[in-house]
Amino acid sequence: MKMMEWERKKCCADCKTSKTPLWRGGPAGPKTLCNACGIRYRKRRACTKKREDVHVVKKQRKMLGEEEQAAVCLMALSCASVFA
């Protein structure tokens, strides 16, 4: 009996609908979003993650450039000490 009451009161955390073919997980936990809001939430989260990945790749490229510059400086210093 309590399960039926809970199912009747259940509504989407985003759009407040109570009828959906499937309940999906969201930021508030499992089965808190209706099907449509759950799909939108997952797409937004995927886009955000892709942006973060692009930022990390750009940062890694910059670090490689710094390492290359350090290697060139070390080679120049070692050549200078050999010929001096």
PDB file of N, CA and C in Angstrom:
ATOM      1  N   MET A   1       0.817  -1.193   0.000  1.00  0.00           N
ATOM      2  CA  MET A   1       0.000   0.000   0.000  1.00  0.00           C
ATOM      3  C   MET A   1       0.865   1.263   0.000  1.00  0.00           C
ATOM      4  N   LYS A   2       1.913   1.260   0.795  1.00  0.00           N
ATOM      5  CA  LYS A   2       2.790   2.430   0.848  1.00  0.00           C
ATOM      6  C   LYS A   2       3.494   2.650  -0.485  1.00  0.00           C
ATOM      7  N   MET A   3       3.822   1.583  -1.190  1.00  0.00           N
ATOM      8  CA  MET A   3       4.495   1.706  -2.477  1.00  0.00           C
ATOM      9  C   MET A   3       3.592   2.441  -3.474  1.00  0.00           C
ATOM     10  N   MET A   4       2.309   2.153  -3.455  1.00  0.00           N
ATOM     11  CA  MET A   4       1.383   2.827  -4.366  1.00  0.00           C
ATOM     12  C   MET A   4       1.284   4.316  -4.039  1.00  0.00           C
ATOM     13  N   GLU A   5       1.283   4.664  -2.769  1.00  0.00           N
ATOM     14  CA  GLU A   5       1.242   6.074  -2.373  1.00  0.00           C
ATOM     15  C   GLU A   5       2.498   6.792  -2.847  1.00  0.00           C
ATOM     16  N   TRP A   6       3.638   6.134  -2.695  1.00  0.00           N
ATOM     17  CA  TRP A   6       4.909   6.741  -3.106  1.00  0.00           C
ATOM     18  C   TRP A   6       4.926   6.952  -4.618  1.00  0.00           C
ATOM     19  N   GLU A   7       4.470   5.946  -5.373  1.00  0.00           N
ATOM     20  CA  GLU A   7       4.440   6.064  -6.829  1.00  0.00           C
ATOM     21  C   GLU A   7       3.496   7.190  -7.263  1.00  0.00           C
ATOM     22  N   ARG A   8       2.398   7.390  -6.571  1.00  0.00           N
ATOM     23  CA  ARG A   8       1.441   8.422  -6.914  1.00  0.00           C
ATOM     24  C   ARG A   8       2.021   9.818  -6.668  1.00  0.00           C
ATOM     25  N   LYS A   9       2.815   9.982  -5.633  1.00  0.00           N
ATOM     26  CA  LYS A   9       3.368  11.287  -5.267  1.00  0.00           C
ATOM     27  C   LYS A   9       4.656  11.606  -6.026  1.00  0.00           C
ATOM     28  N   LYS A  10       5.226  10.627  -6.682  1.00  0.00           N
ATOM     29  CA  LYS A  10       6.502  10.810  -7.360  1.00  0.00           C
ATOM     30  C   LYS A  10       6.353  11.785  -8.532  1.00  0.00           C
ATOM     31  N   CYS A  11       7.274  12.763  -8.612  1.00  0.00           N
ATOM     32  CA  CYS A  11       7.260  13.694  -9.738  1.00  0.00           C
ATOM     33  C   CYS A  11       8.698  14.048 -10.113  1.00  0.00           C
ATOM     34  N   CYS A  12       8.861  14.503 -11.337  1.00  0.00           N
ATOM     35  CA  CYS A  12      10.175  14.859 -11.869  1.00  0.00           C
ATOM     36  C   CYS A  12      10.747  16.046 -11.088  1.00  0.00           C
ATOM     37  N   ALA A  13      12.014  15.975 -10.757  1.00  0.00           N
ATOM     38  CA  ALA A  13      12.662  17.046 -10.001  1.00  0.00           C
ATOM     39  C   ALA A  13      12.824  18.318 -10.839  1.00  0.00           C
ATOM     40  N   ASP A  14      12.762  18.191 -12.168  1.00  0.00           N
ATOM     41  CA  ASP A  14      12.962  19.346 -13.040  1.00  0.00           C
ATOM     42  C   ASP A  14      11.642  19.949 -13.525  1.00  0.00           C
ATOM     43  N   CYS A  15      10.811  19.150 -14.190  1.00  0.00           N
ATOM     44  CA  CYS A  15       9.575  19.686 -14.784  1.00  0.00           C
ATOM     45  C   CYS A  15       8.323  19.373 -13.970  1.00  0.00           C
ATOM     46  N   LYS A  16       8.453  18.604 -12.926  1.00  0.00           N
ATOM     47  CA  LYS A  16       7.353  18.274 -11.995  1.00  0.00           C
ATOM     48  C   LYS A  16       6.268  17.378 -12.583  1.00  0.00           C
ATOM     49  N   THR A  17       6.519  16.725 -13.710  1.00  0.00           N
ATOM     50  CA  THR A  17       5.530  15.803 -14.256  1.00  0.00           C
ATOM     51  C   THR A  17       5.506  14.528 -13.421  1.00  0.00           C
ATOM     52  N   SER A  18       4.366  13.844 -13.433  1.00  0.00           N
ATOM     53  CA  SER A  18       4.272  12.604 -12.661  1.00  0.00           C
ATOM     54  C   SER A  18       4.094  11.387 -13.563  1.00  0.00           C
ATOM     55  N   LYS A  19       3.936  11.611 -14.878  1.00  0.00           N
ATOM     56  CA  LYS A  19       3.762  10.502 -15.813  1.00  0.00           C
ATOM     57  C   LYS A  19       4.925  10.475 -16.789  1.00  0.00           C
ATOM     58  N   THR A  20       5.580   9.326 -16.873  1.00  0.00           N
ATOM     59  CA  THR A  20       6.692   9.141 -17.791  1.00  0.00           C
ATOM     60  C   THR A  20       6.866   7.652 -18.050  1.00  0.00           C
ATOM     61  N   PRO A  21       7.329   7.268 -19.232  1.00  0.00           N
ATOM     62  CA  PRO A  21       7.544   5.843 -19.488  1.00  0.00           C
ATOM     63  C   PRO A  21       8.752   5.285 -18.727  1.00  0.00           C
ATOM     64  N   LEU A  22       9.669   6.177 -18.329  1.00  0.00           N
ATOM     65  CA  LEU A  22      10.879   5.713 -17.658  1.00  0.00           C
ATOM     66  C   LEU A  22      11.418   6.810 -16.751  1.00  0.00           C
ATOM     67  N   TRP A  23      11.787   6.453 -15.547  1.00  0.00           N
ATOM     68  CA  TRP A  23      12.414   7.400 -14.620  1.00  0.00           C
ATOM     69  C   TRP A  23      13.916   7.268 -14.760  1.00  0.00           C
ATOM     70  N   ARG A  24      14.593   8.385 -14.861  1.00  0.00           N
ATOM     71  CA  ARG A  24      16.051   8.390 -15.039  1.00  0.00           C
ATOM     72  C   ARG A  24      16.734   9.096 -13.879  1.00  0.00           C
ATOM     73  N   GLY A  25      18.019   8.794 -13.730  1.00  0.00           N
ATOM     74  CA  GLY A  25      18.810   9.419 -12.677  1.00  0.00           C
ATOM     75  C   GLY A  25      19.231  10.826 -13.051  1.00  0.00           C
ATOM     76  N   GLY A  26      19.401  11.653 -12.048  1.00  0.00           N
ATOM     77  CA  GLY A  26      19.835  13.026 -12.271  1.00  0.00           C
ATOM     78  C   GLY A  26      20.698  13.491 -11.118  1.00  0.00           C
ATOM     79  N   PRO A  27      20.887  14.797 -10.972  1.00  0.00           N
ATOM     80  CA  PRO A  27      21.746  15.314  -9.908  1.00  0.00           C
ATOM     81  C   PRO A  27      21.192  15.047  -8.512  1.00  0.00           C
ATOM     82  N   ALA A  28      19.878  14.834  -8.407  1.00  0.00           N
ATOM     83  CA  ALA A  28      19.270  14.575  -7.100  1.00  0.00           C
ATOM     84  C   ALA A  28      19.280  13.090  -6.741  1.00  0.00           C
ATOM     85  N   GLY A  29      19.765  12.242  -7.640  1.00  0.00           N
ATOM     86  CA  GLY A  29      19.849  10.817  -7.347  1.00  0.00           C
ATOM     87  C   GLY A  29      19.161   9.969  -8.401  1.00  0.00           C
ATOM     88  N   PRO A  30      19.113   8.649  -8.170  1.00  0.00           N
ATOM     89  CA  PRO A  30      18.504   7.753  -9.154  1.00  0.00           C
ATOM     90  C   PRO A  30      16.984   7.925  -9.205  1.00  0.00           C
ATOM     91  N   LYS A  31      16.447   7.794 -10.400  1.00  0.00           N
ATOM     92  CA  LYS A  31      15.002   7.856 -10.643  1.00  0.00           C
ATOM     93  C   LYS A  31      14.356   9.141 -10.123  1.00  0.00           C
ATOM     94  N   THR A  32      15.003  10.278 -10.352  1.00  0.00           N
ATOM     95  CA  THR A  32      14.440  11.560  -9.916  1.00  0.00           C
ATOM     96  C   THR A  32      14.006  12.435 -11.086  1.00  0.00           C
ATOM     97  N   LEU A  33      14.365  12.045 -12.316  1.00  0.00           N
ATOM     98  CA  LEU A  33      13.986  12.823 -13.496  1.00  0.00           C
ATOM     99  C   LEU A  33      13.112  11.987 -14.419  1.00  0.00           C
ATOM    100  N   CYS A  34      12.173  12.649 -15.106  1.00  0.00           N
ATOM    101  CA  CYS A  34      11.373  11.949 -16.111  1.00  0.00           C
ATOM    102  C   CYS A  34      12.289  11.606 -17.291  1.00  0.00           C
ATOM    103  N   ASN A  35      11.773  10.844 -18.229  1.00  0.00           N
ATOM    104  CA  ASN A  35      12.576  10.395 -19.361  1.00  0.00           C
ATOM    105  C   ASN A  35      13.173  11.575 -20.133  1.00  0.00           C
ATOM    106  N   ALA A  36      12.357  12.565 -20.483  1.00  0.00           N
ATOM    107  CA  ALA A  36      12.829  13.703 -21.287  1.00  0.00           C
ATOM    108  C   ALA A  36      13.883  14.523 -20.543  1.00  0.00           C
ATOM    109  N   CYS A  37      13.618  14.845 -19.287  1.00  0.00           N
ATOM    110  CA  CYS A  37      14.574  15.644 -18.507  1.00  0.00           C
ATOM    111  C   CYS A  37      15.860  14.862 -18.252  1.00  0.00           C
ATOM    112  N   GLY A  38      15.738  13.555 -18.064  1.00  0.00           N
ATOM    113  CA  GLY A  38      16.921  12.721 -17.851  1.00  0.00           C
ATOM    114  C   GLY A  38      17.825  12.700 -19.065  1.00  0.00           C
ATOM    115  N   ILE A  39      17.222  12.637 -20.254  1.00  0.00           N
ATOM    116  CA  ILE A  39      18.013  12.659 -21.492  1.00  0.00           C
ATOM    117  C   ILE A  39      18.697  14.014 -21.649  1.00  0.00           C
ATOM    118  N   ARG A  40      17.959  15.105 -21.401  1.00  0.00           N
ATOM    119  CA  ARG A  40      18.560  16.447 -21.485  1.00  0.00           C
ATOM    120  C   ARG A  40      19.710  16.599 -20.497  1.00  0.00           C
ATOM    121  N   TYR A  41      19.511  16.108 -19.276  1.00  0.00           N
ATOM    122  CA  TYR A  41      20.552  16.202 -18.250  1.00  0.00           C
ATOM    123  C   TYR A  41      21.799  15.448 -18.690  1.00  0.00           C
ATOM    124  N   ARG A  42      21.628  14.256 -19.228  1.00  0.00           N
ATOM    125  CA  ARG A  42      22.778  13.455 -19.654  1.00  0.00           C
ATOM    126  C   ARG A  42      23.526  14.128 -20.794  1.00  0.00           C
ATOM    127  N   LYS A  43      22.787  14.731 -21.745  1.00  0.00           N
ATOM    128  CA  LYS A  43      23.435  15.426 -22.867  1.00  0.00           C
ATOM    129  C   LYS A  43      24.239  16.624 -22.379  1.00  0.00           C
ATOM    130  N   ARG A  44      23.665  17.410 -21.471  1.00  0.00           N
ATOM    131  CA  ARG A  44      24.389  18.576 -20.928  1.00  0.00           C
ATOM    132  C   ARG A  44      25.649  18.136 -20.213  1.00  0.00           C
ATOM    133  N   ARG A  45      25.548  17.054 -19.448  1.00  0.00           N
ATOM    134  CA  ARG A  45      26.704  16.568 -18.698  1.00  0.00           C
ATOM    135  C   ARG A  45      27.792  16.089 -19.648  1.00  0.00           C
ATOM    136  N   ALA A  46      27.410  15.440 -20.751  1.00  0.00           N
ATOM    137  CA  ALA A  46      28.382  14.960 -21.730  1.00  0.00           C
ATOM    138  C   ALA A  46      29.086  16.135 -22.403  1.00  0.00           C
ATOM    139  N   CYS A  47      28.352  17.197 -22.737  1.00  0.00           N
ATOM    140  CA  CYS A  47      28.957  18.379 -23.371  1.00  0.00           C
ATOM    141  C   CYS A  47      29.939  19.054 -22.426  1.00  0.00           C
ATOM    142  N   THR A  48      29.581  19.150 -21.170  1.00  0.00           N
ATOM    143  CA  THR A  48      30.461  19.767 -20.180  1.00  0.00           C
ATOM    144  C   THR A  48      31.741  18.961 -20.046  1.00  0.00           C
ATOM    145  N   LYS A  49      31.616  17.651 -20.036  1.00  0.00           N
ATOM    146  CA  LYS A  49      32.790  16.792 -19.893  1.00  0.00           C
ATOM    147  C   LYS A  49      33.709  16.934 -21.105  1.00  0.00           C
ATOM    148  N   LYS A  50      33.132  17.038 -22.315  1.00  0.00           N
ATOM    149  CA  LYS A  50      33.949  17.208 -23.515  1.00  0.00           C
ATOM    150  C   LYS A  50      34.737  18.508 -23.448  1.00  0.00           C
ATOM    151  N   ARG A  51      34.103  19.583 -22.971  1.00  0.00           N
ATOM    152  CA  ARG A  51      34.808  20.867 -22.845  1.00  0.00           C
ATOM    153  C   ARG A  51      35.976  20.753 -21.881  1.00  0.00           C
ATOM    154  N   GLU A  52      35.776  20.033 -20.777  1.00  0.00           N
ATOM    155  CA  GLU A  52      36.855  19.855 -19.809  1.00  0.00           C
ATOM    156  C   GLU A  52      38.000  19.067 -20.428  1.00  0.00           C
ATOM    157  N   ASP A  53      37.679  18.037 -21.240  1.00  0.00           N
ATOM    158  CA  ASP A  53      38.705  17.237 -21.893  1.00  0.00           C
ATOM    159  C   ASP A  53      39.520  18.085 -22.864  1.00  0.00           C
ATOM    160  N   VAL A  54      38.872  18.969 -23.614  1.00  0.00           N
ATOM    161  CA  VAL A  54      39.569  19.851 -24.554  1.00  0.00           C
ATOM    162  C   VAL A  54      40.509  20.765 -23.785  1.00  0.00           C
ATOM    163  N   HIS A  55      40.066  21.286 -22.649  1.00  0.00           N
ATOM    164  CA  HIS A  55      40.899  22.161 -21.831  1.00  0.00           C
ATOM    165  C   HIS A  55      42.148  21.422 -21.356  1.00  0.00           C
ATOM    166  N   VAL A  56      42.015  20.167 -20.956  1.00  0.00           N
ATOM    167  CA  VAL A  56      43.154  19.376 -20.480  1.00  0.00           C
ATOM    168  C   VAL A  56      44.139  19.140 -21.611  1.00  0.00           C
ATOM    169  N   VAL A  57      43.652  18.836 -22.818  1.00  0.00           N
ATOM    170  CA  VAL A  57      44.534  18.593 -23.960  1.00  0.00           C
ATOM    171  C   VAL A  57      45.326  19.851 -24.286  1.00  0.00           C
ATOM    172  N   LYS A  58      44.664  21.015 -24.302  1.00  0.00           N
ATOM    173  CA  LYS A  58      45.369  22.266 -24.582  1.00  0.00           C
ATOM    174  C   LYS A  58      46.437  22.530 -23.533  1.00  0.00           C
ATOM    175  N   LYS A  59      46.138  22.237 -22.285  1.00  0.00           N
ATOM    176  CA  LYS A  59      47.099  22.448 -21.212  1.00  0.00           C
ATOM    177  C   LYS A  59      48.298  21.517 -21.390  1.00  0.00           C
ATOM    178  N   GLN A  60      48.058  20.266 -21.796  1.00  0.00           N
ATOM    179  CA  GLN A  60      49.149  19.320 -22.002  1.00  0.00           C
ATOM    180  C   GLN A  60      50.049  19.785 -23.144  1.00  0.00           C
ATOM    181  N   ARG A  61      49.452  20.303 -24.217  1.00  0.00           N
ATOM    182  CA  ARG A  61      50.254  20.794 -25.339  1.00  0.00           C
ATOM    183  C   ARG A  61      51.152  21.944 -24.891  1.00  0.00           C
ATOM    184  N   LYS A  62      50.623  22.827 -24.081  1.00  0.00           N
ATOM    185  CA  LYS A  62      51.399  23.954 -23.585  1.00  0.00           C
ATOM    186  C   LYS A  62      52.566  23.446 -22.738  1.00  0.00           C
ATOM    187  N   MET A  63      52.316  22.445 -21.921  1.00  0.00           N
ATOM    188  CA  MET A  63      53.372  21.907 -21.072  1.00  0.00           C
ATOM    189  C   MET A  63      54.463  21.252 -21.911  1.00  0.00           C
ATOM    190  N   LEU A  64      54.092  20.590 -22.997  1.00  0.00           N
ATOM    191  CA  LEU A  64      55.099  19.986 -23.854  1.00  0.00           C
ATOM    192  C   LEU A  64      55.990  21.064 -24.456  1.00  0.00           C
ATOM    193  N   GLY A  65      55.427  22.189 -24.818  1.00  0.00           N
ATOM    194  CA  GLY A  65      56.212  23.285 -25.354  1.00  0.00           C
ATOM    195  C   GLY A  65      57.217  23.797 -24.332  1.00  0.00           C
ATOM    196  N   GLU A  66      56.811  23.879 -23.079  1.00  0.00           N
ATOM    197  CA  GLU A  66      57.715  24.324 -22.022  1.00  0.00           C
ATOM    198  C   GLU A  66      58.847  23.321 -21.823  1.00  0.00           C
ATOM    199  N   GLU A  67      58.528  22.031 -21.906  1.00  0.00           N
ATOM    200  CA  GLU A  67      59.561  21.003 -21.759  1.00  0.00           C
ATOM    201  C   GLU A  67      60.558  21.076 -22.913  1.00  0.00           C
ATOM    202  N   GLU A  68      60.043  21.306 -24.120  1.00  0.00           N
ATOM    203  CA  GLU A  68      60.932  21.433 -25.274  1.00  0.00           C
ATOM    204  C   GLU A  68      61.850  22.636 -25.115  1.00  0.00           C
ATOM    205  N   GLN A  69      61.313  23.751 -24.619  1.00  0.00           N
ATOM    206  CA  GLN A  69      62.139  24.936 -24.400  1.00  0.00           C
ATOM    207  C   GLN A  69      63.215  24.652 -23.362  1.00  0.00           C
ATOM    208  N   ALA A  70      62.871  23.940 -22.323  1.00  0.00           N
ATOM    209  CA  ALA A  70      63.850  23.603 -21.295  1.00  0.00           C
ATOM    210  C   ALA A  70      64.946  22.717 -21.873  1.00  0.00           C
ATOM    211  N   ALA A  71      64.566  21.775 -22.734  1.00  0.00           N
ATOM    212  CA  ALA A  71      65.557  20.891 -23.349  1.00  0.00           C
ATOM    213  C   ALA A  71      66.508  21.684 -24.243  1.00  0.00           C
ATOM    214  N   VAL A  72      65.972  22.634 -24.999  1.00  0.00           N
ATOM    215  CA  VAL A  72      66.813  23.465 -25.867  1.00  0.00           C
ATOM    216  C   VAL A  72      67.779  24.294 -25.029  1.00  0.00           C
ATOM    217  N   CYS A  73      67.298  24.866 -23.926  1.00  0.00           N
ATOM    218  CA  CYS A  73      68.171  25.655 -23.050  1.00  0.00           C
ATOM    219  C   CYS A  73      69.285  24.796 -22.467  1.00  0.00           C
ATOM    220  N   LEU A  74      68.953  23.595 -22.035  1.00  0.00           N
ATOM    221  CA  LEU A  74      69.978  22.703 -21.479  1.00  0.00           C
ATOM    222  C   LEU A  74      71.012  22.326 -22.529  1.00  0.00           C
ATOM    223  N   MET A  75      70.547  22.071 -23.761  1.00  0.00           N
ATOM    224  CA  MET A  75      71.494  21.736 -24.828  1.00  0.00           C
ATOM    225  C   MET A  75      72.404  22.923 -25.124  1.00  0.00           C
ATOM    226  N   ALA A  76      71.840  24.123 -25.125  1.00  0.00           N
ATOM    227  CA  ALA A  76      72.641  25.318 -25.387  1.00  0.00           C
ATOM    228  C   ALA A  76      73.674  25.522 -24.289  1.00  0.00           C
ATOM    229  N   LEU A  77      73.269  25.313 -23.046  1.00  0.00           N
ATOM    230  CA  LEU A  77      74.210  25.462 -21.936  1.00  0.00           C
ATOM    231  C   LEU A  77      75.326  24.432 -22.005  1.00  0.00           C
ATOM    232  N   SER A  78      74.976  23.189 -22.360  1.00  0.00           N
ATOM    233  CA  SER A  78      76.008  22.156 -22.420  1.00  0.00           C
ATOM    234  C   SER A  78      76.967  22.418 -23.577  1.00  0.00           C
ATOM    235  N   CYS A  79      76.464  22.925 -24.706  1.00  0.00           N
ATOM    236  CA  CYS A  79      77.337  23.261 -25.829  1.00  0.00           C
ATOM    237  C   CYS A  79      78.259  24.418 -25.455  1.00  0.00           C
ATOM    238  N   ALA A  80      77.746  25.385 -24.735  1.00  0.00           N
ATOM    239  CA  ALA A  80      78.549  26.534 -24.331  1.00  0.00           C
ATOM    240  C   ALA A  80      79.650  26.104 -23.381  1.00  0.00           C
ATOM    241  N   SER A  81      79.363  25.164 -22.494  1.00  0.00           N
ATOM    242  CA  SER A  81      80.391  24.736 -21.542  1.00  0.00           C
ATOM    243  C   SER A  81      81.461  23.892 -22.228  1.00  0.00           C
ATOM    244  N   VAL A  82      81.123  23.187 -23.301  1.00  0.00           N
ATOM    245  CA  VAL A  82      82.100  22.371 -24.029  1.00  0.00           C
ATOM    246  C   VAL A  82      83.039  23.264 -24.825  1.00  0.00           C
ATOM    247  N   PHE A  83      82.511  24.296 -25.458  1.00  0.00           N
ATOM    248  CA  PHE A  83      83.323  25.162 -26.301  1.00  0.00           C
ATOM    249  C   PHE A  83      83.987  26.303 -25.538  1.00  0.00           C
ATOM    250  N   ALA A  84      83.661  26.501 -24.295  1.00  0.00           N
ATOM    251  CA  ALA A  84      84.231  27.615 -23.550  1.00  0.00           C
ATOM    252  C   ALA A  84      85.571  27.278 -22.962  1.00  0.00           C
TER     253      ALA A  84
END
